[in-house]
N, C-alpha and C. Protein backbone atom coordinates (compact mmCIF):
# COMPACT_ATOMS: atom_id res chain seq x y z
N MET A 1 12.91 -8.22 13.27
CA MET A 1 11.57 -8.87 12.89
C MET A 1 10.47 -8.49 13.62
N ARG A 2 10.40 -8.48 15.18
CA ARG A 2 9.19 -8.18 15.91
C ARG A 2 9.54 -6.74 15.68
N GLY A 3 10.52 -5.90 14.83
CA GLY A 3 10.15 -4.45 14.54
C GLY A 3 9.35 -4.45 13.70
N LYS A 4 10.06 -5.06 11.91
CA LYS A 4 9.07 -5.27 11.44
C LYS A 4 7.72 -5.22 11.50
N LEU A 5 7.40 -6.34 12.13
CA LEU A 5 6.10 -7.04 12.25
C LEU A 5 5.08 -6.05 12.55
N ALA A 6 5.71 -5.35 14.21
CA ALA A 6 5.17 -3.95 14.67
C ALA A 6 4.63 -3.27 13.02
N VAL A 7 5.55 -2.62 12.66
CA VAL A 7 5.50 -1.31 11.68
C VAL A 7 4.06 -2.03 10.51
N ASP A 8 4.46 -3.32 10.25
CA ASP A 8 3.78 -3.96 9.32
C ASP A 8 1.68 -3.93 10.00
N ALA A 9 1.76 -4.04 10.95
CA ALA A 9 0.52 -4.18 12.00
C ALA A 9 -0.43 -2.20 12.23
N VAL A 10 1.02 -1.89 12.50
CA VAL A 10 0.17 0.13 12.59
C VAL A 10 0.08 0.12 11.03
N ALA A 11 0.78 -0.26 9.73
CA ALA A 11 0.56 -0.28 7.98
C ALA A 11 -1.20 -0.35 8.37
N LEU A 12 -1.15 -1.99 8.34
CA LEU A 12 -2.70 -2.58 7.80
C LEU A 12 -3.41 -1.19 9.05
N ILE A 13 -3.50 -1.44 10.58
CA ILE A 13 -4.06 -0.53 10.63
C ILE A 13 -4.89 0.50 10.10
N ALA A 14 -3.92 1.73 10.45
CA ALA A 14 -3.53 2.35 9.65
C ALA A 14 -4.51 2.65 8.48
N TYR A 15 -3.95 1.94 7.10
CA TYR A 15 -5.08 1.26 6.40
C TYR A 15 -6.09 1.60 6.44
N VAL A 16 -6.78 0.51 7.74
CA VAL A 16 -7.86 0.26 7.27
C VAL A 16 -8.55 1.38 7.51
N VAL A 17 -8.30 2.22 9.08
CA VAL A 17 -9.24 3.49 9.03
C VAL A 17 -8.83 4.65 8.18
N VAL A 18 -7.87 4.67 6.91
CA VAL A 18 -8.44 5.36 5.81
C VAL A 18 -9.24 5.70 5.06
N SER A 19 -8.92 3.68 4.27
CA SER A 19 -10.00 3.70 3.23
C SER A 19 -11.10 3.34 4.09
N LEU A 20 -12.03 3.96 4.59
CA LEU A 20 -13.37 4.22 5.31
C LEU A 20 -13.67 5.65 5.77
N PRO A 21 -13.43 6.24 4.65
CA PRO A 21 -14.18 7.67 5.04
C PRO A 21 -14.72 8.17 5.71
N SER A 22 -15.49 6.99 5.06
CA SER A 22 -17.00 7.32 5.89
C SER A 22 -17.02 7.22 7.17
N LEU A 23 -15.89 6.52 8.16
CA LEU A 23 -15.30 6.77 9.53
C LEU A 23 -15.02 7.57 10.12
N THR A 24 -14.22 8.91 9.26
CA THR A 24 -13.07 9.60 9.64
C THR A 24 -13.80 10.76 9.23
N GLY A 25 -14.30 10.38 8.38
CA GLY A 25 -14.88 12.00 7.59
C GLY A 25 -13.88 12.07 6.32
N VAL A 26 -13.88 13.35 5.08
CA VAL A 26 -13.51 13.69 3.93
C VAL A 26 -12.18 13.99 4.25
N ALA A 27 -11.94 15.39 5.05
CA ALA A 27 -10.99 16.01 5.10
C ALA A 27 -9.88 14.84 5.81
N PRO A 28 -10.43 14.57 6.80
CA PRO A 28 -8.99 13.14 7.37
C PRO A 28 -8.89 12.11 6.81
N HIS A 29 -10.10 11.47 6.57
CA HIS A 29 -9.59 10.60 5.33
C HIS A 29 -7.96 11.73 4.12
N GLU A 30 -8.31 12.33 3.98
CA GLU A 30 -7.31 12.64 3.06
C GLU A 30 -6.19 13.35 3.91
N TRP A 31 -5.75 13.66 5.09
CA TRP A 31 -4.86 14.65 5.53
C TRP A 31 -4.27 12.62 6.51
N LEU A 32 -5.21 11.99 6.97
CA LEU A 32 -4.46 11.12 7.28
C LEU A 32 -3.91 9.75 6.27
N GLY A 33 -4.51 9.52 4.36
CA GLY A 33 -3.18 9.29 4.16
C GLY A 33 -2.42 9.15 3.62
N LEU A 34 -1.87 11.03 3.17
CA LEU A 34 -0.32 10.94 3.46
C LEU A 34 0.39 10.73 4.77
N ALA A 35 -0.19 10.71 5.44
CA ALA A 35 0.58 9.60 7.22
C ALA A 35 0.67 8.52 7.28
N VAL A 36 -0.57 7.50 6.22
CA VAL A 36 -0.36 6.20 6.11
C VAL A 36 1.03 6.13 4.80
N PHE A 37 1.02 7.02 3.83
CA PHE A 37 2.26 6.63 2.76
C PHE A 37 2.96 6.91 3.33
N LEU A 38 2.94 8.04 4.73
CA LEU A 38 4.70 7.74 5.21
C LEU A 38 4.57 6.25 5.97
N VAL A 39 4.33 5.87 6.41
CA VAL A 39 3.95 4.84 7.41
C VAL A 39 4.35 3.67 6.29
N LEU A 40 3.84 3.87 5.44
CA LEU A 40 3.76 2.30 4.07
C LEU A 40 5.34 2.64 3.46
N ALA A 41 5.81 3.85 3.07
CA ALA A 41 7.02 4.28 2.92
C ALA A 41 7.76 3.13 4.06
N VAL A 42 8.02 3.53 5.16
CA VAL A 42 8.51 2.80 6.01
C VAL A 42 8.98 1.65 5.54
N HIS A 43 7.24 1.15 5.55
CA HIS A 43 6.95 -0.50 5.53
C HIS A 43 8.24 -1.31 4.03
N LEU A 44 8.12 -0.31 2.80
CA LEU A 44 8.60 -0.35 1.89
C LEU A 44 10.26 -0.53 1.95
N ALA A 45 10.93 0.44 2.54
CA ALA A 45 12.04 0.99 3.41
C ALA A 45 12.75 -0.26 4.41
N GLN A 46 11.85 -0.82 5.57
CA GLN A 46 12.44 -2.18 5.96
C GLN A 46 12.87 -3.18 5.37
N HIS A 47 11.63 -3.23 4.06
CA HIS A 47 11.27 -4.61 3.10
C HIS A 47 12.42 -4.83 1.98
N LEU A 48 12.48 -3.26 1.74
CA LEU A 48 12.62 -3.42 0.11
C LEU A 48 14.48 -4.46 -0.08
N GLY A 49 15.21 -5.09 0.65
CA GLY A 49 16.59 -5.50 0.33
C GLY A 49 15.11 -6.80 0.23
N GLN A 50 14.89 -7.64 1.42
CA GLN A 50 13.81 -8.74 0.77
C GLN A 50 12.86 -8.62 -0.42
N VAL A 51 12.81 -7.65 -1.03
CA VAL A 51 11.65 -7.33 -2.84
C VAL A 51 13.16 -8.06 -3.33
N ALA A 52 14.02 -6.96 -3.20
CA ALA A 52 15.32 -6.60 -4.90
C ALA A 52 15.98 -8.13 -4.70
N SER A 53 16.31 -8.94 -3.11
CA SER A 53 16.53 -9.99 -3.88
C SER A 53 16.03 -11.14 -3.96
N SER A 54 14.62 -11.77 -3.86
CA SER A 54 13.50 -12.02 -4.50
C SER A 54 12.94 -11.57 -6.11
N ALA A 55 13.93 -10.29 -6.28
CA ALA A 55 12.82 -9.81 -7.85
C ALA A 55 14.53 -10.70 -8.38
N ARG A 56 15.98 -10.26 -7.98
CA ARG A 56 16.69 -11.13 -8.59
C ARG A 56 17.16 -12.39 -8.50
N ARG A 57 16.41 -13.32 -7.32
CA ARG A 57 16.72 -14.15 -8.02
C ARG A 57 15.08 -15.41 -7.92
N ALA A 58 14.27 -14.65 -8.87
CA ALA A 58 12.50 -14.61 -9.35
C ALA A 58 13.16 -15.84 -10.71
N GLY A 59 14.16 -15.42 -10.98
CA GLY A 59 14.02 -16.55 -12.73
C GLY A 59 14.94 -17.30 -12.48
N SER A 60 15.59 -17.45 -11.10
CA SER A 60 16.49 -18.99 -10.85
C SER A 60 15.60 -20.12 -10.79
N PRO A 61 16.44 -21.31 -11.39
CA PRO A 61 15.99 -22.53 -10.85
C PRO A 61 15.45 -22.98 -9.81
N GLY A 62 15.09 -24.23 -8.82
CA GLY A 62 13.77 -23.95 -8.22
C GLY A 62 12.58 -23.94 -7.57
N PRO A 63 12.69 -24.84 -6.52
CA PRO A 63 10.85 -25.22 -6.39
C PRO A 63 10.68 -24.36 -6.44
N SER A 64 11.11 -23.09 -5.92
CA SER A 64 10.37 -22.10 -5.28
C SER A 64 10.05 -20.51 -6.46
N ARG A 65 10.64 -20.79 -7.22
CA ARG A 65 10.86 -19.62 -8.36
C ARG A 65 9.78 -18.94 -8.39
N ALA A 66 8.37 -19.78 -8.57
CA ALA A 66 6.85 -20.00 -9.53
C ALA A 66 6.62 -18.29 -7.83
N ALA A 67 6.93 -18.82 -7.22
CA ALA A 67 6.48 -17.98 -5.89
C ALA A 67 7.20 -16.87 -5.38
N ARG A 68 8.61 -16.90 -5.99
CA ARG A 68 9.27 -15.57 -6.12
C ARG A 68 8.85 -14.74 -7.01
N ALA A 69 8.29 -15.66 -8.48
CA ALA A 69 8.07 -14.39 -9.07
C ALA A 69 6.52 -14.09 -8.95
N GLY A 70 6.34 -14.67 -8.12
CA GLY A 70 4.84 -14.48 -7.81
C GLY A 70 4.57 -12.96 -6.94
N ARG A 71 5.39 -13.48 -5.87
CA ARG A 71 5.54 -11.95 -4.94
C ARG A 71 6.44 -10.91 -5.04
N THR A 72 7.68 -10.33 -6.01
CA THR A 72 7.75 -9.69 -7.09
C THR A 72 7.05 -9.29 -8.02
N VAL A 73 6.34 -9.90 -8.09
CA VAL A 73 5.19 -9.34 -8.91
C VAL A 73 4.20 -8.43 -8.74
N LEU A 74 3.01 -9.26 -7.14
CA LEU A 74 2.06 -9.20 -6.39
C LEU A 74 3.03 -7.42 -5.51
N ALA A 75 4.37 -7.52 -5.37
CA ALA A 75 4.85 -6.06 -5.13
C ALA A 75 4.67 -5.26 -5.62
N CYS A 76 5.00 -4.97 -7.54
CA CYS A 76 5.53 -3.74 -7.79
C CYS A 76 3.88 -3.46 -8.30
N LEU A 77 3.23 -4.72 -8.60
CA LEU A 77 1.52 -4.13 -8.68
C LEU A 77 0.98 -3.49 -7.24
N LEU A 78 1.81 -3.70 -6.38
CA LEU A 78 1.47 -3.21 -5.35
C LEU A 78 1.67 -1.32 -5.46
N ALA A 79 2.88 -1.54 -5.44
CA ALA A 79 4.01 -0.16 -5.86
C ALA A 79 2.83 1.08 -6.82
N VAL A 80 2.70 0.39 -7.60
CA VAL A 80 1.78 1.69 -8.89
C VAL A 80 0.57 1.44 -8.15
N ALA A 81 -0.40 0.85 -7.79
CA ALA A 81 -1.95 0.61 -6.77
C ALA A 81 -1.33 1.63 -6.29
N LEU A 82 -0.93 1.40 -5.37
CA LEU A 82 -0.75 3.09 -4.59
C LEU A 82 0.08 4.05 -5.10
N ALA A 83 0.27 4.14 -6.05
CA ALA A 83 0.57 5.48 -6.77
C ALA A 83 -0.26 6.22 -7.15
N VAL A 84 -1.25 5.48 -7.92
CA VAL A 84 -2.21 5.79 -7.99
C VAL A 84 -3.71 6.22 -7.17
N VAL A 85 -3.83 5.43 -5.80
CA VAL A 85 -4.37 6.09 -5.04
C VAL A 85 -4.06 7.19 -4.38
N MET A 86 -2.87 7.64 -4.25
CA MET A 86 -2.50 8.59 -4.03
C MET A 86 -1.91 9.37 -4.68
N VAL A 87 -1.91 9.59 -6.09
CA VAL A 87 -1.64 10.92 -7.06
C VAL A 87 -3.66 11.21 -7.37
N SER A 88 -4.66 9.92 -7.38
CA SER A 88 -5.57 10.29 -8.34
C SER A 88 -6.55 10.93 -7.10
N GLY A 89 -6.18 10.88 -5.19
CA GLY A 89 -6.52 11.09 -4.53
C GLY A 89 -6.28 13.28 -3.94
N LEU A 90 -4.64 12.84 -4.29
CA LEU A 90 -4.39 14.31 -4.02
C LEU A 90 -5.14 15.02 -4.56
N MET A 91 -5.79 14.49 -6.55
CA MET A 91 -6.12 15.07 -7.56
C MET A 91 -7.93 15.54 -7.40
N VAL A 92 -8.45 14.85 -6.61
CA VAL A 92 -9.88 15.25 -5.73
C VAL A 92 -9.65 15.88 -4.92
N SER A 93 -9.12 15.81 -4.59
CA SER A 93 -9.21 16.20 -2.97
C SER A 93 -9.77 18.13 -2.57
N GLY A 94 -10.76 17.71 -1.41
CA GLY A 94 -10.75 19.11 -0.90
C GLY A 94 -10.60 19.48 0.27
N ALA A 95 -9.53 18.97 0.75
CA ALA A 95 -8.63 19.14 2.33
C ALA A 95 -7.52 19.75 1.96
N VAL A 96 -6.48 18.78 1.85
CA VAL A 96 -4.96 18.72 1.18
C VAL A 96 -4.64 20.31 0.12
N LEU A 97 -5.26 19.71 -0.83
CA LEU A 97 -4.84 20.72 -2.13
C LEU A 97 -5.07 22.44 -1.54
N PRO A 98 -6.43 22.65 -1.14
CA PRO A 98 -6.71 24.27 -0.82
C PRO A 98 -5.90 24.40 0.03
N ALA A 99 -4.85 23.84 1.11
CA ALA A 99 -5.20 23.90 2.15
C ALA A 99 -2.88 24.84 1.86
N LEU A 100 -3.17 23.93 0.73
CA LEU A 100 -1.01 24.58 -0.04
C LEU A 100 -1.97 25.27 -0.49
N GLY A 101 -3.24 25.73 -1.59
CA GLY A 101 -3.42 26.33 -1.85
C GLY A 101 -3.08 26.04 -3.74
N LEU A 102 -3.51 24.54 -3.42
CA LEU A 102 -3.31 24.73 -4.94
C LEU A 102 -5.25 23.72 -5.40
N TYR A 103 -5.20 23.58 -6.88
CA TYR A 103 -6.42 22.99 -7.82
C TYR A 103 -6.21 22.08 -8.42
N ALA A 104 -6.87 21.21 -8.74
CA ALA A 104 -6.98 20.67 -9.73
C ALA A 104 -7.24 20.30 -10.53
N GLU A 105 -7.95 20.55 -11.44
CA GLU A 105 -9.18 19.85 -12.92
C GLU A 105 -9.26 18.43 -12.79
N GLY A 106 -10.20 18.10 -13.27
CA GLY A 106 -10.10 16.76 -13.56
C GLY A 106 -10.93 15.66 -12.59
N TYR A 107 -11.80 15.96 -11.99
CA TYR A 107 -12.21 15.71 -11.02
C TYR A 107 -13.38 14.23 -11.36
N TYR A 108 -13.79 14.14 -12.72
CA TYR A 108 -14.58 13.75 -13.07
C TYR A 108 -13.57 12.22 -14.01
N PHE A 109 -12.34 12.96 -13.53
CA PHE A 109 -11.26 11.41 -14.44
C PHE A 109 -10.83 10.93 -12.78
N TRP A 110 -10.69 12.03 -12.37
CA TRP A 110 -10.06 11.00 -10.97
C TRP A 110 -10.27 10.55 -10.20
N ASP A 111 -11.74 11.21 -9.98
CA ASP A 111 -12.63 10.65 -8.91
C ASP A 111 -12.84 8.69 -9.13
N PRO A 112 -13.59 8.01 -10.78
CA PRO A 112 -13.46 7.78 -10.36
C PRO A 112 -12.37 6.37 -10.67
N LEU A 113 -11.25 7.47 -11.08
CA LEU A 113 -9.87 6.23 -11.58
C LEU A 113 -9.54 5.48 -9.04
N HIS A 114 -9.76 6.40 -8.46
CA HIS A 114 -9.25 6.74 -7.56
C HIS A 114 -10.40 5.76 -6.31
N ALA A 115 -11.26 6.24 -6.57
CA ALA A 115 -12.84 4.43 -5.96
C ALA A 115 -11.65 3.39 -6.64
N VAL A 116 -11.57 3.39 -7.88
CA VAL A 116 -11.07 1.82 -8.91
C VAL A 116 -10.49 1.02 -8.01
N ALA A 117 -8.89 2.23 -7.73
CA ALA A 117 -7.94 1.42 -7.63
C ALA A 117 -8.13 1.86 -6.14
N ALA A 118 -8.36 2.54 -5.10
CA ALA A 118 -8.63 2.37 -3.84
C ALA A 118 -9.42 0.94 -3.27
N LYS A 119 -10.05 0.06 -4.53
CA LYS A 119 -10.34 -1.59 -4.85
C LYS A 119 -9.77 -2.56 -5.42
N LEU A 120 -8.69 -2.13 -5.69
CA LEU A 120 -7.84 -2.96 -6.39
C LEU A 120 -6.29 -2.19 -5.71
N LEU A 121 -6.32 -1.67 -4.56
CA LEU A 121 -5.31 -1.50 -3.98
C LEU A 121 -5.61 -2.78 -2.35
N LEU A 122 -6.99 -2.47 -1.82
CA LEU A 122 -7.34 -3.33 -1.13
C LEU A 122 -7.19 -4.71 -1.30
N ALA A 123 -8.10 -5.18 -2.13
CA ALA A 123 -7.40 -6.49 -3.17
C ALA A 123 -6.11 -6.89 -2.77
N LEU A 124 -5.52 -6.59 -3.40
CA LEU A 124 -4.06 -6.99 -3.55
C LEU A 124 -3.41 -6.87 -2.20
N LEU A 125 -3.55 -5.93 -0.95
CA LEU A 125 -3.42 -6.39 0.21
C LEU A 125 -3.50 -7.51 0.37
N LEU A 126 -4.43 -7.65 0.83
CA LEU A 126 -5.74 -8.97 0.80
C LEU A 126 -4.74 -10.07 0.48
N VAL A 127 -4.04 -10.27 -0.28
CA VAL A 127 -3.74 -11.04 -1.09
C VAL A 127 -1.99 -11.17 -0.51
N HIS A 128 -0.99 -9.52 -0.41
CA HIS A 128 -0.63 -9.02 0.88
C HIS A 128 0.13 -9.67 1.53
N VAL A 129 -1.18 -10.05 2.58
CA VAL A 129 -0.69 -10.14 4.40
C VAL A 129 -1.48 -11.70 3.49
N ALA A 130 -2.00 -12.41 2.40
CA ALA A 130 -2.49 -13.94 2.75
C ALA A 130 -0.74 -14.54 2.49
N VAL A 131 0.19 -14.24 1.19
CA VAL A 131 1.43 -14.79 1.33
C VAL A 131 2.27 -14.51 2.47
N HIS A 132 2.27 -13.24 3.43
CA HIS A 132 2.95 -13.26 4.08
C HIS A 132 2.48 -14.25 5.39
N VAL A 133 1.01 -15.14 5.71
CA VAL A 133 1.11 -15.26 7.48
C VAL A 133 2.02 -16.64 7.50
N PRO A 134 2.73 -17.03 6.51
CA PRO A 134 3.92 -18.49 7.05
C PRO A 134 4.60 -17.79 7.36
N TRP A 135 5.60 -16.20 6.81
CA TRP A 135 6.30 -14.97 7.71
C TRP A 135 5.68 -14.59 9.01
N ILE A 136 4.50 -14.40 9.04
CA ILE A 136 3.84 -13.64 10.33
C ILE A 136 4.03 -14.49 11.35
N GLY A 137 3.45 -16.12 11.72
CA GLY A 137 3.52 -17.09 12.13
C GLY A 137 5.27 -17.86 12.51
N ARG A 138 6.13 -17.15 11.57
CA ARG A 138 7.39 -17.36 11.83
C ARG A 138 7.98 -16.39 13.50
N VAL A 139 7.40 -15.01 12.88
CA VAL A 139 7.70 -14.28 14.03
C VAL A 139 7.08 -14.04 14.77
N LEU A 140 5.87 -14.44 14.82
CA LEU A 140 5.65 -14.50 16.23
C LEU A 140 5.59 -15.58 17.57
N LYS A 141 5.98 -16.39 16.70
CA LYS A 141 6.51 -18.12 17.58
C LYS A 141 8.41 -18.11 18.17
N LYS A 142 8.51 -16.74 17.85
CA LYS A 142 10.63 -16.60 17.99
C LYS A 142 9.89 -16.04 19.52
């Protein structure tokens, strides 16, 4: 459990750093964004069983039915927001795509989409952390 929490903490810290391109500069923001995506993939892999179990039980009766359904919806929204942030970020890339010899059209579509999706991702992430505060507390107590 502490290993999962350590990965979660690294993912959160890395996300905070990457979410501030004024702190890192645009090129490091882009490259670090790819690295954060990998950290978040590890995070998802570690918690996929819990998400799947929660999704399976979301409709089952019980006092925590709404909570399970809410966590499942939140996880899905986080995944969609992350995917939109990653795709739109790559499409407006000024460092990663050119380094790969690629260029994407549609900057004036992708750039505002990236900004909105990044803000939505941040809001969802804050809710995600708040929802998991009891779990974090239990792990830290052990």
